[in-house]
Structures are given as structure tokens and as C-alpha cells.
Amino acid sequence: MRVLNLYGRRRGPLLAAGNAYLMFFSVGAMLVAGFAIFGLLAADNQVLRDAVVNLVAESTPGLIDTGDGGLATPEQLLGTSGFGLTLVISLAALIVTAMGWINGLREGIRSVLGLARDRTNPILSKLRDAGTLVVLAVALVITSVLGVLNTAAVGTISDWLGWGSFLTGFAAQAGSLILMFILDVAVAMVMFSLAARVLMPSKVLLLAAVFSGAGATVLRFFSALLLNGITNNTLLAPFAVILGLFVWFYLLSQVYLIAAAIAAVRAADLRTRTSPSPR
């Protein structure tokens, strides 16, 4: 109850709505620019390209059309032939929108934690935000590589032990779920420590990151039900993907800000325990 009371008093739902708005308009530029550059760098590695596409599609339901609908197909995203005008414009849009998203999330987290606005030098702040985006991109690629290795390892172990198709599929899905959870936790730690520039005890940071990762995993699990419900509505069906993404980003933003409220309450409890008692 303390967490929810704090979250409500510090306008958590309103901050989450604003951040979802920023996230929605930045994700398009991220997709076009990010996949165009990735397609050029990994042009000869089809396995890695497929792994990254699948990971992004799983991490944000409705973003990439892998057969169930989405904003764009993998062929459209990876079809850039070089550093043309489209890529330059997308990179410029990415810089503007992504920086705005990170700034919005930073101020939201700091507001829920009861901290003042970040007063870092604007140029240094933008450089750190750009570094945050690079770290997130590297984490995505590393997780994709681990996903490929996980699939290969499960196949090898299945052949050794003579597993059936059901057990092999279950092991592969379990490995994929664990990797996604690890990625979510890592992203949350980057957002709290690097993007939001919040100093907190390591135990508190880990608690907030694990809650964020678990919340994102649960939301992702139920995202199919959400999208199906919107698609089955005759009035909303033409806008199903856009509405689904808006709702997804809003709920995900709430998860991060509730995690910030948990961190604030936990940090306050730790300060109370460590402070000397009055005599």
C-alpha cells in the first residue's frame, strides 16, 4: 500500500501516459534507423538477422509483423540498400525522438523517487543519453546471439538425450523466456542507473530492476490476449496495432515507475534501519 500511495501522490499514472506518448513516436525512428544500420552491418549473417528480428518482435508485441500483424515487416526494415536520404532522415528523427523519450523516462523516475530535475550540462547529458542508446543496442545484439546459441544448445542436448518434440520445444521456450527476463532486468538497470542518473544501494537497484523485468515478462505474456481483444472489436480493428502499442507502452511505463516507487520505499526503510536511534 505504501508503494501505491507514493506512486499515486507523485502522479505516476500521468507520468506514465506522457512517457508512453514519447515512446510511441520514438519507436518508429528507432525501427527504421536501427534496422537499416544493422542490416548493413550484418548483411552476410542471416541467422543473426533473424534472431534480432524475432527478439524485437517478442520484446515489443505488435511492433514487427512476423505473421500476426505489426507496424512493419522485416523485409521493409532490412531492405535499405545504403546510407541514403531515408536513413539520414531516420537517424535525425531517431536522435530527436529517442533523446526525448529517455529524458521523459528520466524525469518520471526521478519525480517518483522525489528527486529534483537533472541539472547536468545539456551537452554532456545528450552524450550520456546517446551512450545509453548504444548500450541498449549492444545488449539487444548480445541477447540475440545468446538466443541463437540457446537454440543450438537445446537441439544438441535433445539429440543426445533423445528428447521428443514437445520437451525440446518446451526447453527452447523456457530458455527464450529466461533470456528475455535477463534482457528486461539489464535494460531496467541501465534505465535507473545510467539514463535516470539515480544513485541507490545495489540491493534497491536490483529489486527495482527485477520487478521491472518480471512486470515486462508478465505483460508480454498477456499481450496476445490484449491484441486479440482489440482486433476482435469491429470499431477498433483498423487501429489494432497502434492502439495495442500505445497500451503496451503505457503499461510498460507504469511498470518502470512503480518499480521506482518500490525503490523509494525500500531506500527509505534502509535509511531508517541504519540511522542511529534517538536516546
Protein backbone atom coordinates (compact mmCIF):
# COMPACT_ATOMS: atom_id res chain seq x y z
CA MET A 1 0.00 0.00 0.00
CA ARG A 2 2.83 2.42 0.75
CA VAL A 3 4.20 1.89 -2.75
CA LEU A 4 0.84 2.52 -4.43
CA ASN A 5 0.14 5.56 -2.25
CA LEU A 6 3.52 7.04 -3.13
CA TYR A 7 3.00 6.21 -6.80
CA GLY A 8 -0.36 7.96 -6.84
CA ARG A 9 0.77 11.02 -4.87
CA ARG A 10 3.67 11.61 -7.24
CA ARG A 11 1.44 11.42 -10.33
CA GLY A 12 2.77 8.10 -11.55
CA PRO A 13 -0.10 7.29 -13.97
CA LEU A 14 0.10 10.75 -15.56
CA LEU A 15 3.87 10.49 -15.97
CA ALA A 16 3.48 7.00 -17.47
CA ALA A 17 0.97 8.31 -20.02
CA GLY A 18 3.33 11.07 -21.10
CA ASN A 19 6.25 8.68 -21.39
CA ALA A 20 4.15 6.22 -23.43
CA TYR A 21 3.40 9.06 -25.85
CA LEU A 22 7.10 9.85 -26.24
CA MET A 23 7.97 6.17 -26.58
CA PHE A 24 5.41 5.60 -29.32
CA PHE A 25 6.74 8.40 -31.52
CA SER A 26 10.37 7.42 -30.99
CA VAL A 27 9.93 3.73 -31.78
CA GLY A 28 9.27 4.30 -35.49
CA ALA A 29 12.55 6.14 -35.99
CA MET A 30 14.33 3.54 -33.87
CA LEU A 31 12.99 0.76 -36.08
CA VAL A 32 13.89 2.36 -39.40
CA ALA A 33 17.33 3.70 -38.44
CA GLY A 34 18.33 0.84 -36.17
CA PHE A 35 17.40 -1.95 -38.55
CA ALA A 36 18.82 -0.13 -41.57
CA ILE A 37 22.22 0.15 -39.89
CA PHE A 38 22.00 -3.38 -38.51
CA GLY A 39 21.04 -4.72 -41.94
CA LEU A 40 24.16 -3.15 -43.44
CA LEU A 41 26.47 -4.43 -40.70
CA ALA A 42 25.02 -7.95 -40.61
CA ALA A 43 24.22 -8.30 -44.31
CA ASP A 44 26.01 -11.66 -44.57
CA ASN A 45 24.68 -13.18 -41.33
CA GLN A 46 21.10 -14.27 -41.93
CA VAL A 47 20.95 -16.25 -38.67
CA LEU A 48 21.82 -13.20 -36.55
CA ARG A 49 19.41 -11.01 -38.53
CA ASP A 50 16.56 -13.45 -37.95
CA ALA A 51 17.46 -13.72 -34.25
CA VAL A 52 17.38 -9.94 -33.76
CA VAL A 53 14.07 -9.63 -35.63
CA ASN A 54 12.49 -12.38 -33.52
CA LEU A 55 13.83 -10.91 -30.28
CA VAL A 56 12.48 -7.42 -31.04
CA ALA A 57 9.15 -8.90 -32.12
CA GLU A 58 8.92 -10.85 -28.85
CA SER A 59 10.06 -7.97 -26.64
CA THR A 60 7.51 -5.49 -28.06
CA PRO A 61 4.38 -7.25 -29.37
CA GLY A 62 2.83 -5.64 -32.44
CA LEU A 63 6.00 -3.81 -33.44
CA ILE A 64 7.27 -6.12 -36.21
CA ASP A 65 4.92 -8.07 -38.45
CA THR A 66 6.06 -11.69 -38.24
CA GLY A 67 2.71 -13.05 -39.38
CA ASP A 68 0.33 -11.65 -36.76
CA GLY A 69 0.36 -8.01 -37.82
CA GLY A 70 2.65 -5.13 -36.90
CA LEU A 71 3.94 -1.71 -37.89
CA ALA A 72 6.40 -3.06 -40.47
CA THR A 73 7.66 -6.33 -41.90
CA PRO A 74 11.28 -7.49 -41.50
CA GLU A 75 11.77 -7.12 -45.26
CA GLN A 76 10.76 -3.46 -45.12
CA LEU A 77 13.05 -2.74 -42.18
CA LEU A 78 16.08 -4.58 -43.56
CA GLY A 79 15.58 -3.52 -47.17
CA THR A 80 17.70 -0.35 -47.02
CA SER A 81 20.37 -0.54 -49.71
CA GLY A 82 22.77 2.01 -48.29
CA PHE A 83 23.21 5.30 -46.46
CA GLY A 84 20.60 7.18 -48.47
CA LEU A 85 18.35 10.11 -47.69
CA THR A 86 15.80 7.91 -45.91
CA LEU A 87 18.43 6.64 -43.50
CA VAL A 88 19.78 10.15 -42.84
CA ILE A 89 16.29 11.46 -42.07
CA SER A 90 15.56 8.44 -39.87
CA LEU A 91 18.80 8.94 -37.95
CA ALA A 92 17.94 12.61 -37.35
CA ALA A 93 14.44 11.65 -36.19
CA LEU A 94 15.93 8.91 -34.01
CA ILE A 95 18.25 11.36 -32.28
CA VAL A 96 15.46 13.84 -31.53
CA THR A 97 12.72 11.40 -30.50
CA ALA A 98 14.86 8.89 -28.63
CA MET A 99 16.53 11.63 -26.62
CA GLY A 100 13.08 12.97 -25.73
CA TRP A 101 11.94 9.52 -24.64
CA ILE A 102 14.97 8.96 -22.41
CA ASN A 103 14.61 12.44 -20.94
CA GLY A 104 10.91 11.83 -20.22
CA LEU A 105 11.61 8.50 -18.55
CA ARG A 106 14.44 10.02 -16.54
CA GLU A 107 12.30 12.85 -15.22
CA GLY A 108 9.45 10.43 -14.48
CA ILE A 109 11.67 8.10 -12.46
CA ARG A 110 13.29 10.98 -10.60
CA SER A 111 9.89 12.53 -9.87
CA VAL A 112 8.54 9.30 -8.37
CA LEU A 113 11.73 8.97 -6.33
CA GLY A 114 11.24 12.51 -5.03
CA LEU A 115 14.43 13.84 -6.63
CA ALA A 116 14.98 17.21 -8.28
CA ARG A 117 15.24 17.53 -12.04
CA ASP A 118 18.58 16.54 -13.51
CA ARG A 119 20.79 19.62 -13.91
CA THR A 120 23.64 18.02 -15.85
CA ASN A 121 25.32 20.07 -18.58
CA PRO A 122 22.99 19.75 -21.64
CA ILE A 123 25.77 18.63 -24.00
CA LEU A 124 27.08 16.07 -21.52
CA SER A 125 23.52 14.95 -20.87
CA LYS A 126 22.88 14.28 -24.57
CA LEU A 127 26.15 12.39 -24.88
CA ARG A 128 25.19 10.17 -21.95
CA ASP A 129 21.75 9.60 -23.45
CA ALA A 130 23.39 8.60 -26.74
CA GLY A 131 25.63 6.23 -24.79
CA THR A 132 22.52 4.76 -23.17
CA LEU A 133 21.04 4.02 -26.60
CA VAL A 134 24.28 2.35 -27.69
CA VAL A 135 24.34 0.20 -24.54
CA LEU A 136 20.74 -0.88 -25.15
CA ALA A 137 21.51 -1.73 -28.78
CA VAL A 138 24.56 -3.79 -27.78
CA ALA A 139 22.52 -5.60 -25.12
CA LEU A 140 19.91 -6.44 -27.76
CA VAL A 141 22.51 -7.90 -30.13
CA ILE A 142 24.23 -9.87 -27.35
CA THR A 143 20.90 -11.31 -26.23
CA SER A 144 20.12 -12.27 -29.83
CA VAL A 145 23.45 -14.10 -30.11
CA LEU A 146 22.72 -15.90 -26.84
CA GLY A 147 19.31 -16.83 -28.24
CA VAL A 148 20.94 -18.45 -31.27
CA LEU A 149 23.36 -20.32 -29.00
CA ASN A 150 20.46 -21.39 -26.76
CA THR A 151 18.56 -22.84 -29.72
CA ALA A 152 21.64 -24.69 -30.94
CA ALA A 153 22.43 -26.00 -27.44
CA VAL A 154 18.87 -27.22 -26.88
CA GLY A 155 18.95 -29.01 -30.24
CA THR A 156 22.26 -30.69 -29.41
CA ILE A 157 21.14 -31.76 -25.93
CA SER A 158 17.86 -33.01 -27.38
CA ASP A 159 19.75 -35.22 -29.84
CA TRP A 160 22.00 -36.58 -27.09
CA LEU A 161 19.17 -37.38 -24.68
CA GLY A 162 16.60 -38.39 -27.27
CA TRP A 163 14.00 -35.81 -26.24
CA GLY A 164 10.72 -35.65 -28.10
CA SER A 165 9.48 -32.59 -29.97
CA PHE A 166 7.33 -31.42 -27.03
CA LEU A 167 10.17 -31.49 -24.50
CA THR A 168 12.57 -29.88 -26.97
CA GLY A 169 10.10 -27.10 -27.72
CA PHE A 170 9.44 -26.56 -24.01
CA ALA A 171 13.17 -26.30 -23.25
CA ALA A 172 13.67 -23.84 -26.12
CA GLN A 173 10.74 -21.69 -24.94
CA ALA A 174 11.99 -21.76 -21.34
CA GLY A 175 15.46 -20.70 -22.46
CA SER A 176 13.98 -17.89 -24.56
CA LEU A 177 11.85 -16.71 -21.63
CA ILE A 178 14.86 -16.64 -19.31
CA LEU A 179 16.90 -14.67 -21.85
CA MET A 180 14.09 -12.14 -22.27
CA PHE A 181 13.84 -11.75 -18.49
CA ILE A 182 17.60 -11.19 -18.23
CA LEU A 183 17.40 -8.59 -21.01
CA ASP A 184 14.50 -6.82 -19.28
CA VAL A 185 16.41 -6.72 -15.98
CA ALA A 186 19.55 -5.42 -17.70
CA VAL A 187 17.57 -2.72 -19.53
CA ALA A 188 15.92 -1.66 -16.27
CA MET A 189 19.30 -1.38 -14.53
CA VAL A 190 20.59 0.78 -17.39
CA MET A 191 17.49 2.98 -17.23
CA PHE A 192 17.67 3.51 -13.48
CA SER A 193 21.42 3.95 -13.09
CA LEU A 194 22.60 5.41 -16.42
CA ALA A 195 19.56 7.07 -18.01
CA ALA A 196 17.86 8.36 -14.84
CA ARG A 197 21.22 9.04 -13.13
CA VAL A 198 19.98 7.82 -9.78
CA LEU A 199 22.38 6.64 -7.10
CA MET A 200 20.82 3.96 -4.92
CA PRO A 201 22.05 0.97 -2.90
CA SER A 202 22.81 -2.05 -5.07
CA LYS A 203 20.11 -4.12 -3.31
CA VAL A 204 17.50 -1.46 -4.04
CA LEU A 205 18.60 -1.16 -7.67
CA LEU A 206 18.44 -4.93 -8.12
CA LEU A 207 14.98 -5.06 -6.52
CA ALA A 208 13.66 -2.36 -8.85
CA ALA A 209 15.26 -4.00 -11.89
CA VAL A 210 13.91 -7.46 -11.06
CA PHE A 211 10.41 -6.04 -10.54
CA SER A 212 10.65 -4.24 -13.89
CA GLY A 213 11.86 -7.39 -15.62
CA ALA A 214 9.15 -9.54 -14.07
CA GLY A 215 6.47 -6.97 -14.89
CA ALA A 216 7.60 -6.71 -18.51
CA THR A 217 7.63 -10.51 -18.81
CA VAL A 218 4.09 -10.80 -17.45
CA LEU A 219 2.85 -8.01 -19.74
CA ARG A 220 4.45 -9.70 -22.73
CA PHE A 221 2.77 -12.99 -21.82
CA PHE A 222 -0.68 -11.38 -21.83
CA SER A 223 -0.05 -9.10 -24.80
CA ALA A 224 -1.51 -11.62 -27.26
CA LEU A 225 -4.81 -11.55 -25.36
CA LEU A 226 -4.80 -7.76 -25.45
CA LEU A 227 -4.15 -7.59 -29.19
CA ASN A 228 -6.76 -10.26 -29.91
CA GLY A 229 -9.34 -8.36 -27.88
CA ILE A 230 -8.68 -5.15 -29.80
CA THR A 231 -8.64 -6.95 -33.16
CA ASN A 232 -11.99 -8.62 -32.48
CA ASN A 233 -13.61 -5.24 -31.86
CA THR A 234 -15.09 -4.10 -35.18
CA LEU A 235 -14.70 -0.43 -34.32
CA LEU A 236 -11.08 -0.71 -33.16
CA ALA A 237 -9.82 -3.35 -35.62
CA PRO A 238 -8.40 -0.85 -38.19
CA PHE A 239 -6.27 0.72 -35.44
CA ALA A 240 -5.45 -2.50 -33.57
CA VAL A 241 -1.66 -2.31 -33.94
CA ILE A 242 -1.42 1.37 -32.99
CA LEU A 243 -3.78 1.03 -30.02
CA GLY A 244 -2.05 -2.15 -28.92
CA LEU A 245 1.34 -0.44 -28.94
CA PHE A 246 0.00 2.59 -27.07
CA VAL A 247 -1.49 0.37 -24.36
CA TRP A 248 1.69 -1.73 -24.22
CA PHE A 249 3.93 1.33 -23.83
CA TYR A 250 1.62 2.82 -21.20
CA LEU A 251 1.59 -0.36 -19.10
CA LEU A 252 5.34 -0.82 -19.51
CA SER A 253 5.93 2.78 -18.40
CA GLN A 254 3.75 2.13 -15.36
CA VAL A 255 5.88 -0.92 -14.51
CA TYR A 256 9.06 1.20 -14.55
CA LEU A 257 7.54 3.97 -12.45
CA ILE A 258 6.02 1.54 -9.93
CA ALA A 259 9.48 -0.02 -9.68
CA ALA A 260 10.80 3.48 -8.91
CA ALA A 261 8.18 3.80 -6.15
CA ILE A 262 9.29 0.43 -4.74
CA ALA A 263 12.88 1.64 -4.79
CA ALA A 264 11.91 4.86 -2.99
CA VAL A 265 10.07 2.99 -0.22
CA ARG A 266 12.82 0.40 0.15
CA ALA A 267 15.55 3.04 0.27
CA ALA A 268 13.62 4.94 2.95
CA ASP A 269 13.31 1.75 5.01
CA LEU A 270 17.05 1.10 4.73
CA ARG A 271 17.86 4.66 5.83
CA THR A 272 15.57 4.24 8.85
CA ARG A 273 17.28 1.00 9.86
CA THR A 274 20.80 2.35 9.51
CA SER A 275 20.20 5.73 11.17
CA PRO A 276 21.09 5.89 14.88
CA SER A 277 18.10 5.68 17.18
CA PRO A 278 17.43 8.74 19.38
CA ARG A 279 18.35 8.48 23.04
